[in-house]
Amino acid sequence: MIRLSYLKIKEEDYNKIFSIFYKVIGETENKDEFNRILIDLLTPAERIMLIKRIAVIYLLLKDIDYLTICRVLKVSNGTVSKYRLLMEDSKGIVPVIKKMIKNEKIWLFFEEIFSEIFYPGLPGISWTAAWEMRNKLENKKERGL
């Protein structure tokens, strides 16, 4: 649990500080730079907490069942339920993740087509590679990751 000071920041000061924060985060050029910023700002526990929160919302939007989410992310059923409720009123992260999932579904569709075209046993196709591709696709459908 974080500790916040009981002393409140003025609204205009908060807005100025938030704009600085937004500029720092928003101006990142690539993943490595963004990662370095997060490492500087957040403790390892805070980074894991944020990543798990985003992953729970992502998997809920992909209609993965609660038990699978709990098992894969090592979170409690209560945590998953909490984020299911929070998602109903979300106007920030949920639309962004929905857009990502829409693009992902297109890629998944093509992966399914390639899996059907290059099936194990087809002459000239490596059985190992074909089965590996098919198993990865099944895992992606089942676990959502």
N, C-alpha and C. Protein backbone atom coordinates (compact mmCIF):
# COMPACT_ATOMS: atom_id res chain seq x y z
N MET A 1 0.85 -1.17 0.00
CA MET A 1 0.00 0.00 0.00
C MET A 1 0.89 1.24 0.00
N ILE A 2 0.51 2.20 -0.83
CA ILE A 2 1.30 3.43 -0.89
C ILE A 2 0.88 4.39 0.21
N ARG A 3 1.79 5.26 0.56
CA ARG A 3 1.48 6.28 1.56
C ARG A 3 1.42 7.63 0.87
N LEU A 4 0.29 8.28 1.01
CA LEU A 4 0.13 9.62 0.48
C LEU A 4 0.11 10.61 1.63
N SER A 5 0.68 11.76 1.39
CA SER A 5 0.65 12.80 2.41
C SER A 5 -0.77 13.29 2.60
N TYR A 6 -1.10 13.65 3.80
CA TYR A 6 -2.43 14.19 4.06
C TYR A 6 -2.54 15.63 3.54
N LEU A 7 -1.41 16.24 3.22
CA LEU A 7 -1.40 17.59 2.66
C LEU A 7 -1.71 17.50 1.16
N LYS A 8 -2.67 18.24 0.72
CA LYS A 8 -3.12 18.19 -0.67
C LYS A 8 -2.37 19.22 -1.52
N ILE A 9 -2.12 18.85 -2.78
CA ILE A 9 -1.52 19.76 -3.75
C ILE A 9 -2.64 20.58 -4.36
N LYS A 10 -2.37 21.85 -4.63
CA LYS A 10 -3.37 22.70 -5.28
C LYS A 10 -3.67 22.14 -6.67
N GLU A 11 -4.89 22.31 -7.11
CA GLU A 11 -5.35 21.78 -8.40
C GLU A 11 -4.48 22.27 -9.56
N GLU A 12 -4.15 23.56 -9.58
CA GLU A 12 -3.34 24.08 -10.68
C GLU A 12 -1.92 23.52 -10.65
N ASP A 13 -1.36 23.32 -9.46
CA ASP A 13 -0.04 22.71 -9.35
C ASP A 13 -0.09 21.25 -9.81
N TYR A 14 -1.15 20.56 -9.42
CA TYR A 14 -1.33 19.17 -9.86
C TYR A 14 -1.36 19.09 -11.38
N ASN A 15 -2.11 19.99 -12.00
CA ASN A 15 -2.21 19.99 -13.47
C ASN A 15 -0.87 20.26 -14.13
N LYS A 16 -0.08 21.15 -13.56
CA LYS A 16 1.25 21.44 -14.11
C LYS A 16 2.15 20.21 -13.98
N ILE A 17 2.13 19.60 -12.81
CA ILE A 17 2.95 18.40 -12.58
C ILE A 17 2.51 17.27 -13.50
N PHE A 18 1.21 17.12 -13.66
CA PHE A 18 0.71 16.06 -14.55
C PHE A 18 1.13 16.31 -15.99
N SER A 19 1.13 17.57 -16.43
CA SER A 19 1.55 17.86 -17.80
C SER A 19 3.03 17.52 -18.00
N ILE A 20 3.85 17.73 -16.96
CA ILE A 20 5.27 17.34 -17.03
C ILE A 20 5.37 15.82 -17.13
N PHE A 21 4.61 15.13 -16.29
CA PHE A 21 4.60 13.66 -16.33
C PHE A 21 4.18 13.17 -17.71
N TYR A 22 3.11 13.74 -18.25
CA TYR A 22 2.62 13.33 -19.57
C TYR A 22 3.68 13.57 -20.63
N LYS A 23 4.35 14.70 -20.56
CA LYS A 23 5.39 15.03 -21.54
C LYS A 23 6.55 14.03 -21.45
N VAL A 24 6.95 13.67 -20.24
CA VAL A 24 8.05 12.71 -20.07
C VAL A 24 7.65 11.34 -20.64
N ILE A 25 6.47 10.88 -20.28
CA ILE A 25 6.02 9.56 -20.75
C ILE A 25 5.66 9.60 -22.23
N GLY A 26 4.99 10.66 -22.66
CA GLY A 26 4.52 10.76 -24.04
C GLY A 26 5.61 11.00 -25.06
N GLU A 27 6.74 11.54 -24.64
CA GLU A 27 7.81 11.88 -25.57
C GLU A 27 8.79 10.72 -25.81
N THR A 28 8.53 9.57 -25.25
CA THR A 28 9.46 8.46 -25.42
C THR A 28 9.46 8.00 -26.87
N GLU A 29 10.64 7.67 -27.35
CA GLU A 29 10.81 7.29 -28.75
C GLU A 29 10.58 5.79 -29.00
N ASN A 30 10.96 4.96 -28.03
CA ASN A 30 10.86 3.52 -28.25
C ASN A 30 10.66 2.79 -26.92
N LYS A 31 10.55 1.47 -27.00
CA LYS A 31 10.31 0.66 -25.81
C LYS A 31 11.45 0.76 -24.80
N ASP A 32 12.68 0.74 -25.29
CA ASP A 32 13.83 0.78 -24.38
C ASP A 32 13.85 2.07 -23.56
N GLU A 33 13.59 3.17 -24.22
CA GLU A 33 13.57 4.46 -23.51
C GLU A 33 12.42 4.48 -22.49
N PHE A 34 11.26 3.99 -22.90
CA PHE A 34 10.10 3.92 -22.00
C PHE A 34 10.42 3.03 -20.81
N ASN A 35 11.05 1.90 -21.06
CA ASN A 35 11.42 0.98 -19.98
C ASN A 35 12.40 1.62 -19.01
N ARG A 36 13.38 2.36 -19.53
CA ARG A 36 14.33 3.04 -18.65
C ARG A 36 13.63 4.07 -17.76
N ILE A 37 12.65 4.77 -18.32
CA ILE A 37 11.89 5.75 -17.53
C ILE A 37 11.13 5.04 -16.42
N LEU A 38 10.47 3.95 -16.76
CA LEU A 38 9.71 3.21 -15.74
C LEU A 38 10.62 2.64 -14.66
N ILE A 39 11.80 2.18 -15.05
CA ILE A 39 12.75 1.66 -14.06
C ILE A 39 13.19 2.77 -13.11
N ASP A 40 13.37 3.97 -13.65
CA ASP A 40 13.76 5.10 -12.80
C ASP A 40 12.62 5.53 -11.87
N LEU A 41 11.38 5.46 -12.35
CA LEU A 41 10.24 5.98 -11.58
C LEU A 41 9.63 4.97 -10.61
N LEU A 42 9.59 3.70 -10.99
CA LEU A 42 8.84 2.71 -10.23
C LEU A 42 9.74 1.64 -9.64
N THR A 43 9.34 1.12 -8.49
CA THR A 43 10.05 -0.01 -7.90
C THR A 43 9.69 -1.26 -8.69
N PRO A 44 10.47 -2.34 -8.56
CA PRO A 44 10.12 -3.58 -9.25
C PRO A 44 8.70 -4.06 -8.92
N ALA A 45 8.31 -3.95 -7.66
CA ALA A 45 6.96 -4.38 -7.27
C ALA A 45 5.88 -3.54 -7.94
N GLU A 46 6.10 -2.24 -8.05
CA GLU A 46 5.13 -1.37 -8.71
C GLU A 46 5.02 -1.68 -10.20
N ARG A 47 6.16 -1.96 -10.84
CA ARG A 47 6.13 -2.32 -12.27
C ARG A 47 5.35 -3.59 -12.49
N ILE A 48 5.60 -4.61 -11.65
CA ILE A 48 4.88 -5.88 -11.78
C ILE A 48 3.39 -5.66 -11.55
N MET A 49 3.05 -4.85 -10.56
CA MET A 49 1.64 -4.57 -10.25
C MET A 49 0.95 -3.93 -11.46
N LEU A 50 1.57 -2.93 -12.08
CA LEU A 50 0.97 -2.28 -13.24
C LEU A 50 0.83 -3.24 -14.42
N ILE A 51 1.86 -4.02 -14.66
CA ILE A 51 1.82 -4.97 -15.77
C ILE A 51 0.71 -5.99 -15.57
N LYS A 52 0.58 -6.49 -14.35
CA LYS A 52 -0.48 -7.47 -14.07
C LYS A 52 -1.86 -6.86 -14.22
N ARG A 53 -2.04 -5.61 -13.79
CA ARG A 53 -3.34 -4.95 -13.94
C ARG A 53 -3.73 -4.84 -15.40
N ILE A 54 -2.79 -4.40 -16.21
CA ILE A 54 -3.06 -4.28 -17.64
C ILE A 54 -3.35 -5.65 -18.25
N ALA A 55 -2.58 -6.65 -17.85
CA ALA A 55 -2.78 -8.00 -18.37
C ALA A 55 -4.14 -8.57 -17.97
N VAL A 56 -4.59 -8.31 -16.75
CA VAL A 56 -5.91 -8.79 -16.32
C VAL A 56 -7.00 -8.17 -17.19
N ILE A 57 -6.93 -6.88 -17.42
CA ILE A 57 -7.92 -6.21 -18.26
C ILE A 57 -7.87 -6.75 -19.68
N TYR A 58 -6.67 -6.92 -20.21
CA TYR A 58 -6.47 -7.46 -21.56
C TYR A 58 -7.10 -8.84 -21.69
N LEU A 59 -6.82 -9.72 -20.74
CA LEU A 59 -7.35 -11.08 -20.82
C LEU A 59 -8.86 -11.12 -20.59
N LEU A 60 -9.38 -10.25 -19.74
CA LEU A 60 -10.83 -10.18 -19.56
C LEU A 60 -11.52 -9.74 -20.85
N LEU A 61 -10.92 -8.79 -21.54
CA LEU A 61 -11.49 -8.33 -22.80
C LEU A 61 -11.43 -9.41 -23.88
N LYS A 62 -10.48 -10.33 -23.75
CA LYS A 62 -10.39 -11.44 -24.70
C LYS A 62 -11.27 -12.62 -24.29
N ASP A 63 -12.09 -12.42 -23.24
CA ASP A 63 -13.02 -13.44 -22.73
C ASP A 63 -12.32 -14.71 -22.25
N ILE A 64 -11.16 -14.55 -21.63
CA ILE A 64 -10.47 -15.67 -21.00
C ILE A 64 -11.11 -15.87 -19.63
N ASP A 65 -11.33 -17.13 -19.23
CA ASP A 65 -12.02 -17.38 -17.97
C ASP A 65 -11.16 -17.00 -16.76
N TYR A 66 -11.84 -16.71 -15.65
CA TYR A 66 -11.20 -16.21 -14.44
C TYR A 66 -10.09 -17.14 -13.94
N LEU A 67 -10.36 -18.43 -13.91
CA LEU A 67 -9.37 -19.36 -13.36
C LEU A 67 -8.08 -19.39 -14.17
N THR A 68 -8.20 -19.29 -15.48
CA THR A 68 -7.01 -19.26 -16.33
C THR A 68 -6.22 -17.99 -16.07
N ILE A 69 -6.91 -16.86 -15.95
CA ILE A 69 -6.23 -15.59 -15.66
C ILE A 69 -5.50 -15.68 -14.32
N CYS A 70 -6.19 -16.23 -13.32
CA CYS A 70 -5.57 -16.37 -11.98
C CYS A 70 -4.34 -17.25 -12.05
N ARG A 71 -4.44 -18.35 -12.78
CA ARG A 71 -3.34 -19.31 -12.85
C ARG A 71 -2.15 -18.73 -13.62
N VAL A 72 -2.42 -18.09 -14.76
CA VAL A 72 -1.34 -17.58 -15.61
C VAL A 72 -0.65 -16.38 -14.98
N LEU A 73 -1.43 -15.45 -14.43
CA LEU A 73 -0.84 -14.21 -13.90
C LEU A 73 -0.53 -14.27 -12.41
N LYS A 74 -0.93 -15.36 -11.76
CA LYS A 74 -0.70 -15.52 -10.31
C LYS A 74 -1.36 -14.38 -9.53
N VAL A 75 -2.65 -14.16 -9.83
CA VAL A 75 -3.44 -13.17 -9.11
C VAL A 75 -4.65 -13.87 -8.50
N SER A 76 -5.30 -13.22 -7.55
CA SER A 76 -6.46 -13.83 -6.90
C SER A 76 -7.72 -13.62 -7.72
N ASN A 77 -8.72 -14.43 -7.43
CA ASN A 77 -10.01 -14.31 -8.09
C ASN A 77 -10.63 -12.95 -7.77
N GLY A 78 -10.40 -12.45 -6.56
CA GLY A 78 -10.91 -11.14 -6.16
C GLY A 78 -10.33 -10.02 -7.01
N THR A 79 -9.06 -10.13 -7.34
CA THR A 79 -8.40 -9.12 -8.19
C THR A 79 -9.04 -9.10 -9.57
N VAL A 80 -9.27 -10.29 -10.12
CA VAL A 80 -9.88 -10.38 -11.45
C VAL A 80 -11.29 -9.80 -11.41
N SER A 81 -12.05 -10.13 -10.37
CA SER A 81 -13.41 -9.62 -10.22
C SER A 81 -13.42 -8.10 -10.09
N LYS A 82 -12.47 -7.58 -9.33
CA LYS A 82 -12.36 -6.13 -9.14
C LYS A 82 -12.16 -5.42 -10.47
N TYR A 83 -11.26 -5.95 -11.29
CA TYR A 83 -10.99 -5.30 -12.57
C TYR A 83 -12.11 -5.51 -13.56
N ARG A 84 -12.87 -6.58 -13.45
CA ARG A 84 -14.06 -6.76 -14.28
C ARG A 84 -15.06 -5.64 -13.98
N LEU A 85 -15.24 -5.32 -12.71
CA LEU A 85 -16.15 -4.24 -12.33
C LEU A 85 -15.62 -2.87 -12.77
N LEU A 86 -14.33 -2.64 -12.58
CA LEU A 86 -13.73 -1.36 -12.96
C LEU A 86 -13.78 -1.12 -14.47
N MET A 87 -13.76 -2.19 -15.24
CA MET A 87 -13.78 -2.07 -16.69
C MET A 87 -15.09 -1.49 -17.21
N GLU A 88 -16.16 -1.69 -16.49
CA GLU A 88 -17.47 -1.23 -16.94
C GLU A 88 -17.53 0.28 -17.10
N ASP A 89 -16.83 1.02 -16.24
CA ASP A 89 -16.85 2.48 -16.30
C ASP A 89 -15.61 3.08 -16.94
N SER A 90 -14.70 2.25 -17.42
CA SER A 90 -13.43 2.73 -17.95
C SER A 90 -13.62 3.45 -19.28
N LYS A 91 -13.02 4.62 -19.36
CA LYS A 91 -13.03 5.37 -20.61
C LYS A 91 -11.60 5.58 -21.11
N GLY A 92 -10.63 5.01 -20.41
CA GLY A 92 -9.23 5.21 -20.76
C GLY A 92 -8.58 3.98 -21.35
N ILE A 93 -8.31 3.01 -20.49
CA ILE A 93 -7.51 1.87 -20.92
C ILE A 93 -8.32 0.85 -21.74
N VAL A 94 -9.58 0.68 -21.43
CA VAL A 94 -10.39 -0.34 -22.12
C VAL A 94 -10.51 -0.04 -23.62
N PRO A 95 -10.84 1.19 -24.04
CA PRO A 95 -10.90 1.44 -25.49
C PRO A 95 -9.56 1.21 -26.20
N VAL A 96 -8.47 1.54 -25.54
CA VAL A 96 -7.14 1.34 -26.14
C VAL A 96 -6.87 -0.15 -26.33
N ILE A 97 -7.15 -0.94 -25.30
CA ILE A 97 -6.90 -2.38 -25.39
C ILE A 97 -7.86 -3.03 -26.39
N LYS A 98 -9.10 -2.56 -26.45
CA LYS A 98 -10.04 -3.10 -27.44
C LYS A 98 -9.53 -2.90 -28.86
N LYS A 99 -8.94 -1.73 -29.11
CA LYS A 99 -8.37 -1.45 -30.42
C LYS A 99 -7.22 -2.41 -30.72
N MET A 100 -6.37 -2.67 -29.70
CA MET A 100 -5.26 -3.61 -29.86
C MET A 100 -5.78 -5.00 -30.18
N ILE A 101 -6.83 -5.42 -29.48
CA ILE A 101 -7.38 -6.77 -29.66
C ILE A 101 -7.99 -6.90 -31.04
N LYS A 102 -8.61 -5.84 -31.53
CA LYS A 102 -9.20 -5.89 -32.87
C LYS A 102 -8.12 -6.17 -33.91
N ASN A 103 -6.98 -5.45 -33.79
CA ASN A 103 -5.86 -5.70 -34.71
C ASN A 103 -5.28 -7.09 -34.52
N GLU A 104 -5.25 -7.54 -33.28
CA GLU A 104 -4.72 -8.86 -32.97
C GLU A 104 -5.58 -9.97 -33.58
N LYS A 105 -6.90 -9.76 -33.57
CA LYS A 105 -7.81 -10.76 -34.14
C LYS A 105 -7.56 -10.93 -35.63
N ILE A 106 -7.20 -9.85 -36.30
CA ILE A 106 -6.87 -9.94 -37.73
C ILE A 106 -5.65 -10.83 -37.91
N TRP A 107 -4.61 -10.62 -37.09
CA TRP A 107 -3.41 -11.43 -37.18
C TRP A 107 -3.69 -12.88 -36.82
N LEU A 108 -4.53 -13.09 -35.82
CA LEU A 108 -4.88 -14.45 -35.42
C LEU A 108 -5.61 -15.17 -36.55
N PHE A 109 -6.45 -14.45 -37.25
CA PHE A 109 -7.16 -15.01 -38.40
C PHE A 109 -6.16 -15.50 -39.45
N PHE A 110 -5.16 -14.67 -39.76
CA PHE A 110 -4.15 -15.07 -40.74
C PHE A 110 -3.30 -16.24 -40.24
N GLU A 111 -2.99 -16.24 -38.95
CA GLU A 111 -2.24 -17.36 -38.39
C GLU A 111 -3.03 -18.66 -38.53
N GLU A 112 -4.34 -18.61 -38.32
CA GLU A 112 -5.18 -19.80 -38.47
C GLU A 112 -5.17 -20.27 -39.92
N ILE A 113 -5.24 -19.33 -40.84
CA ILE A 113 -5.20 -19.71 -42.26
C ILE A 113 -3.87 -20.38 -42.59
N PHE A 114 -2.75 -19.79 -42.16
CA PHE A 114 -1.45 -20.39 -42.43
C PHE A 114 -1.32 -21.76 -41.77
N SER A 115 -1.89 -21.90 -40.59
CA SER A 115 -1.85 -23.18 -39.90
C SER A 115 -2.60 -24.25 -40.69
N GLU A 116 -3.70 -23.85 -41.33
CA GLU A 116 -4.47 -24.80 -42.14
C GLU A 116 -3.77 -25.12 -43.46
N ILE A 117 -3.11 -24.12 -44.03
CA ILE A 117 -2.42 -24.33 -45.32
C ILE A 117 -1.18 -25.18 -45.13
N PHE A 118 -0.39 -24.86 -44.11
CA PHE A 118 0.87 -25.56 -43.86
C PHE A 118 0.70 -26.54 -42.70
N TYR A 119 -0.15 -27.52 -42.88
CA TYR A 119 -0.44 -28.47 -41.83
C TYR A 119 0.62 -29.58 -41.77
N PRO A 120 0.75 -30.23 -40.60
CA PRO A 120 1.71 -31.34 -40.47
C PRO A 120 1.35 -32.47 -41.44
N GLY A 121 2.34 -32.99 -42.11
CA GLY A 121 2.12 -34.08 -43.05
C GLY A 121 2.11 -33.63 -44.49
N LEU A 122 2.04 -32.34 -44.72
CA LEU A 122 2.08 -31.81 -46.08
C LEU A 122 3.49 -31.99 -46.62
N PRO A 123 3.63 -32.53 -47.82
CA PRO A 123 4.98 -32.73 -48.37
C PRO A 123 5.77 -31.42 -48.42
N GLY A 124 7.01 -31.48 -47.94
CA GLY A 124 7.89 -30.32 -47.94
C GLY A 124 7.77 -29.45 -46.69
N ILE A 125 6.87 -29.81 -45.78
CA ILE A 125 6.68 -29.04 -44.55
C ILE A 125 7.28 -29.81 -43.38
N SER A 126 8.04 -29.14 -42.56
CA SER A 126 8.62 -29.76 -41.37
C SER A 126 7.50 -30.06 -40.38
N TRP A 127 7.38 -31.33 -40.01
CA TRP A 127 6.34 -31.73 -39.06
C TRP A 127 6.51 -30.99 -37.74
N THR A 128 7.74 -30.91 -37.30
CA THR A 128 8.01 -30.26 -36.01
C THR A 128 7.57 -28.80 -36.04
N ALA A 129 7.95 -28.08 -37.08
CA ALA A 129 7.59 -26.66 -37.18
C ALA A 129 6.08 -26.48 -37.32
N ALA A 130 5.45 -27.34 -38.09
CA ALA A 130 4.00 -27.24 -38.29
C ALA A 130 3.25 -27.51 -36.99
N TRP A 131 3.65 -28.55 -36.26
CA TRP A 131 2.99 -28.85 -34.99
C TRP A 131 3.25 -27.75 -33.97
N GLU A 132 4.46 -27.21 -33.98
CA GLU A 132 4.81 -26.14 -33.06
C GLU A 132 3.94 -24.91 -33.33
N MET A 133 3.77 -24.57 -34.61
CA MET A 133 2.94 -23.43 -34.98
C MET A 133 1.49 -23.67 -34.56
N ARG A 134 1.00 -24.87 -34.77
CA ARG A 134 -0.38 -25.19 -34.41
C ARG A 134 -0.57 -25.16 -32.89
N ASN A 135 0.40 -25.70 -32.14
CA ASN A 135 0.30 -25.68 -30.67
C ASN A 135 0.36 -24.25 -30.11
N LYS A 136 1.22 -23.41 -30.69
CA LYS A 136 1.29 -22.01 -30.26
C LYS A 136 -0.05 -21.31 -30.49
N LEU A 137 -0.66 -21.60 -31.62
CA LEU A 137 -1.95 -21.00 -31.95
C LEU A 137 -3.02 -21.45 -30.96
N GLU A 138 -3.04 -22.72 -30.61
CA GLU A 138 -4.01 -23.23 -29.63
C GLU A 138 -3.79 -22.62 -28.25
N ASN A 139 -2.52 -22.50 -27.84
CA ASN A 139 -2.22 -21.86 -26.56
C ASN A 139 -2.66 -20.40 -26.54
N LYS A 140 -2.45 -19.71 -27.66
CA LYS A 140 -2.84 -18.31 -27.75
C LYS A 140 -4.36 -18.18 -27.61
N LYS A 141 -5.10 -19.10 -28.22
CA LYS A 141 -6.55 -19.06 -28.12
C LYS A 141 -7.02 -19.38 -26.70
N GLU A 142 -6.37 -20.36 -26.07
CA GLU A 142 -6.81 -20.81 -24.75
C GLU A 142 -6.40 -19.84 -23.64
N ARG A 143 -5.14 -19.41 -23.64
CA ARG A 143 -4.61 -18.57 -22.57
C ARG A 143 -4.70 -17.09 -22.84
N GLY A 144 -4.87 -16.72 -24.12
CA GLY A 144 -4.99 -15.31 -24.46
C GLY A 144 -3.67 -14.58 -24.58
N LEU A 145 -2.56 -15.28 -24.35
CA LEU A 145 -1.25 -14.63 -24.44
C LEU A 145 -0.40 -15.29 -25.49
